[in-house]
PDB file of N, CA and C in Angstrom:
ATOM      1  N   MET A   1      31.133  28.910   4.639  1.00  0.00           N
ATOM      2  CA  MET A   1      31.112  27.655   4.309  1.00  0.00           C
ATOM      3  C   MET A   1      30.385  26.472   5.134  1.00  0.00           C
ATOM      4  N   ILE A   2      29.868  26.548   5.172  1.00  0.00           N
ATOM      5  CA  ILE A   2      29.265  24.951   5.616  1.00  0.00           C
ATOM      6  C   ILE A   2      27.625  25.591   5.388  1.00  0.00           C
ATOM      7  N   GLU A   3      27.585  26.758   5.224  1.00  0.00           N
ATOM      8  CA  GLU A   3      26.075  27.672   4.223  1.00  0.00           C
ATOM      9  C   GLU A   3      26.251  27.082   1.909  1.00  0.00           C
ATOM     10  N   PHE A   4      27.683  27.561   2.382  1.00  0.00           N
ATOM     11  CA  PHE A   4      27.689  26.632   0.856  1.00  0.00           C
ATOM     12  C   PHE A   4      27.837  25.243   0.125  1.00  0.00           C
ATOM     13  N   ALA A   5      28.562  24.581   1.593  1.00  0.00           N
ATOM     14  CA  ALA A   5      28.399  23.315   1.757  1.00  0.00           C
ATOM     15  C   ALA A   5      26.765  22.074   1.694  1.00  0.00           C
ATOM     16  N   VAL A   6      26.275  23.067   2.446  1.00  0.00           N
ATOM     17  CA  VAL A   6      25.004  22.712   2.657  1.00  0.00           C
ATOM     18  C   VAL A   6      23.881  22.700   1.045  1.00  0.00           C
ATOM     19  N   PHE A   7      24.613  23.808   0.594  1.00  0.00           N
ATOM     20  CA  PHE A   7      23.754  24.596  -0.840  1.00  0.00           C
ATOM     21  C   PHE A   7      23.360  24.119  -1.504  1.00  0.00           C
ATOM     22  N   LEU A   8      25.340  23.213  -1.855  1.00  0.00           N
ATOM     23  CA  LEU A   8      25.528  21.996  -2.735  1.00  0.00           C
ATOM     24  C   LEU A   8      25.018  21.618  -2.688  1.00  0.00           C
ATOM     25  N   TYR A   9      25.116  20.428  -1.667  1.00  0.00           N
ATOM     26  CA  TYR A   9      25.044  18.652  -1.002  1.00  0.00           C
ATOM     27  C   TYR A   9      22.746  19.188  -1.545  1.00  0.00           C
ATOM     28  N   GLY A  10      22.096  19.747  -1.613  1.00  0.00           N
ATOM     29  CA  GLY A  10      21.224  19.944  -1.757  1.00  0.00           C
ATOM     30  C   GLY A  10      20.792  20.397  -3.388  1.00  0.00           C
ATOM     31  N   LEU A  11      21.857  21.502  -4.388  1.00  0.00           N
ATOM     32  CA  LEU A  11      21.406  21.019  -5.202  1.00  0.00           C
ATOM     33  C   LEU A  11      21.266  19.812  -5.747  1.00  0.00           C
ATOM     34  N   CYS A  12      22.801  18.915  -5.297  1.00  0.00           N
ATOM     35  CA  CYS A  12      23.160  17.298  -6.349  1.00  0.00           C
ATOM     36  C   CYS A  12      21.977  16.722  -5.448  1.00  0.00           C
ATOM     37  N   ALA A  13      21.221  16.743  -4.326  1.00  0.00           N
ATOM     38  CA  ALA A  13      20.117  15.631  -4.123  1.00  0.00           C
ATOM     39  C   ALA A  13      19.363  16.094  -4.968  1.00  0.00           C
ATOM     40  N   GLY A  14      18.468  17.542  -4.698  1.00  0.00           N
ATOM     41  CA  GLY A  14      17.488  17.775  -6.200  1.00  0.00           C
ATOM     42  C   GLY A  14      18.065  17.195  -8.092  1.00  0.00           C
ATOM     43  N   LEU A  15      19.058  17.159  -8.285  1.00  0.00           N
ATOM     44  CA  LEU A  15      19.148  16.984  -9.399  1.00  0.00           C
ATOM     45  C   LEU A  15      19.312  15.533  -9.446  1.00  0.00           C
ATOM     46  N   ILE A  16      19.904  15.397  -8.617  1.00  0.00           N
ATOM     47  CA  ILE A  16      19.806  13.199  -8.582  1.00  0.00           C
ATOM     48  C   ILE A  16      18.426  12.437  -9.128  1.00  0.00           C
ATOM     49  N   LEU A  17      17.942  13.564  -7.902  1.00  0.00           N
ATOM     50  CA  LEU A  17      16.135  13.298  -7.955  1.00  0.00           C
ATOM     51  C   LEU A  17      15.123  12.933  -8.750  1.00  0.00           C
ATOM     52  N   MET A  18      15.248  14.670  -8.983  1.00  0.00           N
ATOM     53  CA  MET A  18      14.854  14.377 -10.243  1.00  0.00           C
ATOM     54  C   MET A  18      15.630  13.836 -12.292  1.00  0.00           C
ATOM     55  N   ILE A  19      16.349  14.305 -12.046  1.00  0.00           N
ATOM     56  CA  ILE A  19      16.404  12.612 -12.975  1.00  0.00           C
ATOM     57  C   ILE A  19      15.783  11.371 -13.223  1.00  0.00           C
ATOM     58  N   ALA A  20      16.495  11.087 -12.119  1.00  0.00           N
ATOM     59  CA  ALA A  20      15.650   9.695 -10.897  1.00  0.00           C
ATOM     60  C   ALA A  20      13.971   9.126 -11.480  1.00  0.00           C
ATOM     61  N   HIS A  21      13.279  11.095 -11.589  1.00  0.00           N
ATOM     62  CA  HIS A  21      11.630  11.043 -11.299  1.00  0.00           C
ATOM     63  C   HIS A  21      11.514  10.821 -12.853  1.00  0.00           C
ATOM     64  N   LYS A  22      12.311  11.339 -13.858  1.00  0.00           N
ATOM     65  CA  LYS A  22      12.238  12.343 -14.854  1.00  0.00           C
ATOM     66  C   LYS A  22      12.670  10.107 -15.661  1.00  0.00           C
ATOM     67  N   ASN A  23      13.221   9.456 -15.599  1.00  0.00           N
ATOM     68  CA  ASN A  23      14.152   8.274 -16.364  1.00  0.00           C
ATOM     69  C   ASN A  23      12.553   7.925 -15.904  1.00  0.00           C
ATOM     70  N   ARG A  24      11.710   7.557 -14.873  1.00  0.00           N
ATOM     71  CA  ARG A  24      10.935   7.087 -14.514  1.00  0.00           C
ATOM     72  C   ARG A  24       9.811   6.796 -14.355  1.00  0.00           C
ATOM     73  N   ARG A  25       9.459   7.816 -15.056  1.00  0.00           N
ATOM     74  CA  ARG A  25       8.532   8.793 -15.599  1.00  0.00           C
ATOM     75  C   ARG A  25       8.288   8.619 -17.173  1.00  0.00           C
ATOM     76  N   GLU A  26       9.580   7.892 -17.465  1.00  0.00           N
ATOM     77  CA  GLU A  26       9.715   8.213 -19.067  1.00  0.00           C
ATOM     78  C   GLU A  26      10.082   6.032 -19.167  1.00  0.00           C
ATOM     79  N   SER A  27       9.893   5.309 -18.387  1.00  0.00           N
ATOM     80  CA  SER A  27      10.453   3.991 -18.672  1.00  0.00           C
ATOM     81  C   SER A  27      11.778   3.980 -18.740  1.00  0.00           C
ATOM     82  N   LYS A  28      13.027   4.370 -18.612  1.00  0.00           N
ATOM     83  CA  LYS A  28      13.942   4.544 -18.551  1.00  0.00           C
ATOM     84  C   LYS A  28      14.845   4.132 -17.679  1.00  0.00           C
ATOM     85  N   PRO A  29      16.039   3.292 -17.869  1.00  0.00           N
ATOM     86  CA  PRO A  29      16.972   3.016 -17.332  1.00  0.00           C
ATOM     87  C   PRO A  29      17.499   4.089 -16.132  1.00  0.00           C
ATOM     88  N   ASN A  30      17.785   4.276 -15.425  1.00  0.00           N
ATOM     89  CA  ASN A  30      19.201   5.668 -14.879  1.00  0.00           C
ATOM     90  C   ASN A  30      20.261   5.031 -15.975  1.00  0.00           C
ATOM     91  N   PRO A  31      21.231   5.925 -15.263  1.00  0.00           N
ATOM     92  CA  PRO A  31      21.960   5.869 -16.117  1.00  0.00           C
ATOM     93  C   PRO A  31      23.858   5.697 -15.165  1.00  0.00           C
ATOM     94  N   THR A  32      24.243   5.267 -14.846  1.00  0.00           N
ATOM     95  CA  THR A  32      25.023   4.605 -14.571  1.00  0.00           C
ATOM     96  C   THR A  32      26.311   6.021 -12.965  1.00  0.00           C
ATOM     97  N   VAL A  33      26.196   6.878 -14.373  1.00  0.00           N
ATOM     98  CA  VAL A  33      26.657   7.847 -13.391  1.00  0.00           C
ATOM     99  C   VAL A  33      25.770   8.362 -12.001  1.00  0.00           C
ATOM    100  N   VAL A  34      24.705   8.847 -12.703  1.00  0.00           N
ATOM    101  CA  VAL A  34      23.428   8.649 -12.150  1.00  0.00           C
ATOM    102  C   VAL A  34      22.873   7.880 -10.589  1.00  0.00           C
ATOM    103  N   ILE A  35      23.069   6.254 -10.244  1.00  0.00           N
ATOM    104  CA  ILE A  35      22.536   5.455  -9.754  1.00  0.00           C
ATOM    105  C   ILE A  35      24.830   5.563  -8.742  1.00  0.00           C
ATOM    106  N   ALA A  36      25.663   6.097  -9.262  1.00  0.00           N
ATOM    107  CA  ALA A  36      26.080   6.175  -8.515  1.00  0.00           C
ATOM    108  C   ALA A  36      26.159   7.574  -7.126  1.00  0.00           C
ATOM    109  N   MET A  37      25.923   8.295  -7.782  1.00  0.00           N
ATOM    110  CA  MET A  37      26.198   9.605  -7.704  1.00  0.00           C
ATOM    111  C   MET A  37      24.719   9.702  -6.028  1.00  0.00           C
ATOM    112  N   GLY A  38      23.829   8.669  -6.596  1.00  0.00           N
ATOM    113  CA  GLY A  38      22.935   8.746  -4.844  1.00  0.00           C
ATOM    114  C   GLY A  38      23.227   8.006  -4.544  1.00  0.00           C
ATOM    115  N   TRP A  39      24.171   6.296  -4.921  1.00  0.00           N
ATOM    116  CA  TRP A  39      24.015   6.177  -4.133  1.00  0.00           C
ATOM    117  C   TRP A  39      25.760   7.029  -2.513  1.00  0.00           C
ATOM    118  N   GLY A  40      26.386   7.690  -3.551  1.00  0.00           N
ATOM    119  CA  GLY A  40      26.955   8.774  -2.463  1.00  0.00           C
ATOM    120  C   GLY A  40      26.522   9.577  -1.421  1.00  0.00           C
ATOM    121  N   LEU A  41      25.301  10.493  -2.355  1.00  0.00           N
ATOM    122  CA  LEU A  41      24.490  10.919  -1.514  1.00  0.00           C
ATOM    123  C   LEU A  41      23.667  10.216  -0.050  1.00  0.00           C
ATOM    124  N   MET A  42      23.083   9.086   0.050  1.00  0.00           N
ATOM    125  CA  MET A  42      22.731   8.099   0.544  1.00  0.00           C
ATOM    126  C   MET A  42      23.958   8.188   1.796  1.00  0.00           C
ATOM    127  N   SER A  43      25.575   7.836   1.409  1.00  0.00           N
ATOM    128  CA  SER A  43      26.162   7.110   1.859  1.00  0.00           C
ATOM    129  C   SER A  43      26.326   8.301   2.885  1.00  0.00           C
ATOM    130  N   MET A  44      27.124   9.267   2.276  1.00  0.00           N
ATOM    131  CA  MET A  44      27.176  10.709   2.318  1.00  0.00           C
ATOM    132  C   MET A  44      26.164  10.895   4.236  1.00  0.00           C
ATOM    133  N   SER A  45      25.133  10.947   3.197  1.00  0.00           N
ATOM    134  CA  SER A  45      23.817  11.968   4.672  1.00  0.00           C
ATOM    135  C   SER A  45      24.271  10.531   4.909  1.00  0.00           C
ATOM    136  N   SER A  46      23.906   9.445   5.150  1.00  0.00           N
ATOM    137  CA  SER A  46      23.773   8.529   6.325  1.00  0.00           C
ATOM    138  C   SER A  46      24.943   8.528   7.622  1.00  0.00           C
ATOM    139  N   VAL A  47      26.448   8.643   7.133  1.00  0.00           N
ATOM    140  CA  VAL A  47      27.402   8.725   8.043  1.00  0.00           C
ATOM    141  C   VAL A  47      27.352   9.830   8.858  1.00  0.00           C
ATOM    142  N   LEU A  48      27.233  11.101   7.897  1.00  0.00           N
ATOM    143  CA  LEU A  48      27.336  12.182   8.481  1.00  0.00           C
ATOM    144  C   LEU A  48      25.471  12.576   9.776  1.00  0.00           C
ATOM    145  N   ALA A  49      25.028  11.561   9.512  1.00  0.00           N
ATOM    146  CA  ALA A  49      23.482  11.007  11.006  1.00  0.00           C
ATOM    147  C   ALA A  49      23.756  10.221  11.568  1.00  0.00           C
ATOM    148  N   LEU A  50      24.949   9.950  11.158  1.00  0.00           N
ATOM    149  CA  LEU A  50      25.797   9.297  12.733  1.00  0.00           C
ATOM    150  C   LEU A  50      26.976   8.740  13.596  1.00  0.00           C
ATOM    151  N   LEU A  51      27.566  10.622  12.917  1.00  0.00           N
ATOM    152  CA  LEU A  51      28.154  11.286  12.811  1.00  0.00           C
ATOM    153  C   LEU A  51      27.363  11.788  14.604  1.00  0.00           C
ATOM    154  N   LEU A  52      27.421  13.175  13.766  1.00  0.00           N
ATOM    155  CA  LEU A  52      26.185  13.809  14.134  1.00  0.00           C
ATOM    156  C   LEU A  52      25.203  13.044  15.755  1.00  0.00           C
ATOM    157  N   ALA A  53      24.771  12.424  15.331  1.00  0.00           N
ATOM    158  CA  ALA A  53      24.159  11.617  16.720  1.00  0.00           C
ATOM    159  C   ALA A  53      25.050  10.913  17.466  1.00  0.00           C
ATOM    160  N   ALA A  54      26.202  10.771  17.563  1.00  0.00           N
ATOM    161  CA  ALA A  54      26.874  10.178  18.641  1.00  0.00           C
ATOM    162  C   ALA A  54      27.617  11.652  18.831  1.00  0.00           C
ATOM    163  N   VAL A  55      27.880  13.106  18.536  1.00  0.00           N
ATOM    164  CA  VAL A  55      28.362  13.763  18.992  1.00  0.00           C
ATOM    165  C   VAL A  55      27.486  13.977  19.876  1.00  0.00           C
ATOM    166  N   ALA A  56      25.543  14.765  19.764  1.00  0.00           N
ATOM    167  CA  ALA A  56      25.254  14.973  20.353  1.00  0.00           C
ATOM    168  C   ALA A  56      25.122  14.247  21.979  1.00  0.00           C
ATOM    169  N   MET A  57      25.458  12.774  21.455  1.00  0.00           N
ATOM    170  CA  MET A  57      25.015  11.343  22.828  1.00  0.00           C
ATOM    171  C   MET A  57      25.938  11.791  23.881  1.00  0.00           C
ATOM    172  N   ALA A  58      27.004  12.304  23.434  1.00  0.00           N
ATOM    173  CA  ALA A  58      28.623  12.625  24.278  1.00  0.00           C
ATOM    174  C   ALA A  58      28.567  13.577  24.436  1.00  0.00           C
ATOM    175  N   MET A  59      27.912  14.508  24.028  1.00  0.00           N
ATOM    176  CA  MET A  59      27.439  16.254  24.668  1.00  0.00           C
ATOM    177  C   MET A  59      26.770  15.713  26.288  1.00  0.00           C
ATOM    178  N   ALA A  60      25.835  14.976  25.536  1.00  0.00           N
ATOM    179  CA  ALA A  60      24.590  14.417  26.015  1.00  0.00           C
ATOM    180  C   ALA A  60      24.688  13.995  27.821  1.00  0.00           C
ATOM    181  N   MET A  61      26.431  13.203  27.613  1.00  0.00           N
ATOM    182  CA  MET A  61      26.596  12.596  28.592  1.00  0.00           C
ATOM    183  C   MET A  61      27.883  13.242  29.115  1.00  0.00           C
ATOM    184  N   GLY A  62      28.041  14.390  29.359  1.00  0.00           N
ATOM    185  CA  GLY A  62      28.754  15.452  29.599  1.00  0.00           C
ATOM    186  C   GLY A  62      30.508  15.234  29.162  1.00  0.00           C
ATOM    187  N   ALA A  63      30.423  14.899  28.480  1.00  0.00           N
ATOM    188  CA  ALA A  63      32.019  14.839  27.217  1.00  0.00           C
ATOM    189  C   ALA A  63      32.592  16.594  27.248  1.00  0.00           C
ATOM    190  N   THR A  64      33.549  16.192  27.399  1.00  0.00           N
ATOM    191  CA  THR A  64      34.718  17.268  27.379  1.00  0.00           C
ATOM    192  C   THR A  64      35.553  17.533  26.287  1.00  0.00           C
ATOM    193  N   GLY A  65      36.296  18.595  26.009  1.00  0.00           N
ATOM    194  CA  GLY A  65      36.628  18.533  25.866  1.00  0.00           C
ATOM    195  C   GLY A  65      37.242  19.895  24.248  1.00  0.00           C
ATOM    196  N   PRO A  66      38.207  19.856  23.620  1.00  0.00           N
ATOM    197  CA  PRO A  66      38.480  21.548  22.946  1.00  0.00           C
ATOM    198  C   PRO A  66      37.179  21.865  21.567  1.00  0.00           C
ATOM    199  N   MET A  67      37.031  20.402  20.728  1.00  0.00           N
ATOM    200  CA  MET A  67      35.543  20.830  19.569  1.00  0.00           C
ATOM    201  C   MET A  67      34.222  20.640  20.591  1.00  0.00           C
ATOM    202  N   PHE A  68      33.633  19.953  21.481  1.00  0.00           N
ATOM    203  CA  PHE A  68      32.630  20.329  21.673  1.00  0.00           C
ATOM    204  C   PHE A  68      32.411  21.744  23.167  1.00  0.00           C
ATOM    205  N   GLU A  69      34.261  22.290  23.175  1.00  0.00           N
ATOM    206  CA  GLU A  69      33.045  23.598  24.397  1.00  0.00           C
ATOM    207  C   GLU A  69      33.449  24.249  23.183  1.00  0.00           C
ATOM    208  N   VAL A  70      33.390  24.146  21.425  1.00  0.00           N
ATOM    209  CA  VAL A  70      33.717  25.575  20.786  1.00  0.00           C
ATOM    210  C   VAL A  70      32.047  24.739  20.699  1.00  0.00           C
ATOM    211  N   LEU A  71      31.231  23.815  20.442  1.00  0.00           N
ATOM    212  CA  LEU A  71      30.260  23.971  19.517  1.00  0.00           C
ATOM    213  C   LEU A  71      29.516  24.008  20.931  1.00  0.00           C
ATOM    214  N   THR A  72      28.976  24.153  22.109  1.00  0.00           N
ATOM    215  CA  THR A  72      28.118  23.978  23.124  1.00  0.00           C
ATOM    216  C   THR A  72      29.162  25.753  24.046  1.00  0.00           C
ATOM    217  N   ALA A  73      30.375  27.330  23.199  1.00  0.00           N
ATOM    218  CA  ALA A  73      29.810  28.124  22.420  1.00  0.00           C
ATOM    219  C   ALA A  73      29.021  29.089  21.378  1.00  0.00           C
ATOM    220  N   ALA A  74      29.232  27.641  20.719  1.00  0.00           N
ATOM    221  CA  ALA A  74      28.077  28.551  19.371  1.00  0.00           C
ATOM    222  C   ALA A  74      26.675  29.226  19.076  1.00  0.00           C
ATOM    223  N   ARG A  75      26.242  28.226  20.965  1.00  0.00           N
ATOM    224  CA  ARG A  75      24.338  28.300  21.066  1.00  0.00           C
ATOM    225  C   ARG A  75      23.688  29.537  21.701  1.00  0.00           C
TER     226      ARG A  75
END
């Protein structure tokens, strides 16, 4: 399931970047939908990075719990 989510994220990010690059090359403004999707992807990426950094910090400090045990068992 995570593979599908990563694939879908990459597909959306690539599409948004391709459209924005094409519009910039043609000196046209980006449609509102492209701008909104770009901000949404950036927001999702930054929130996910902060959450993963918090989990990594908690694991490094020796936090315990059912979720941490699942994450360490996957190694």
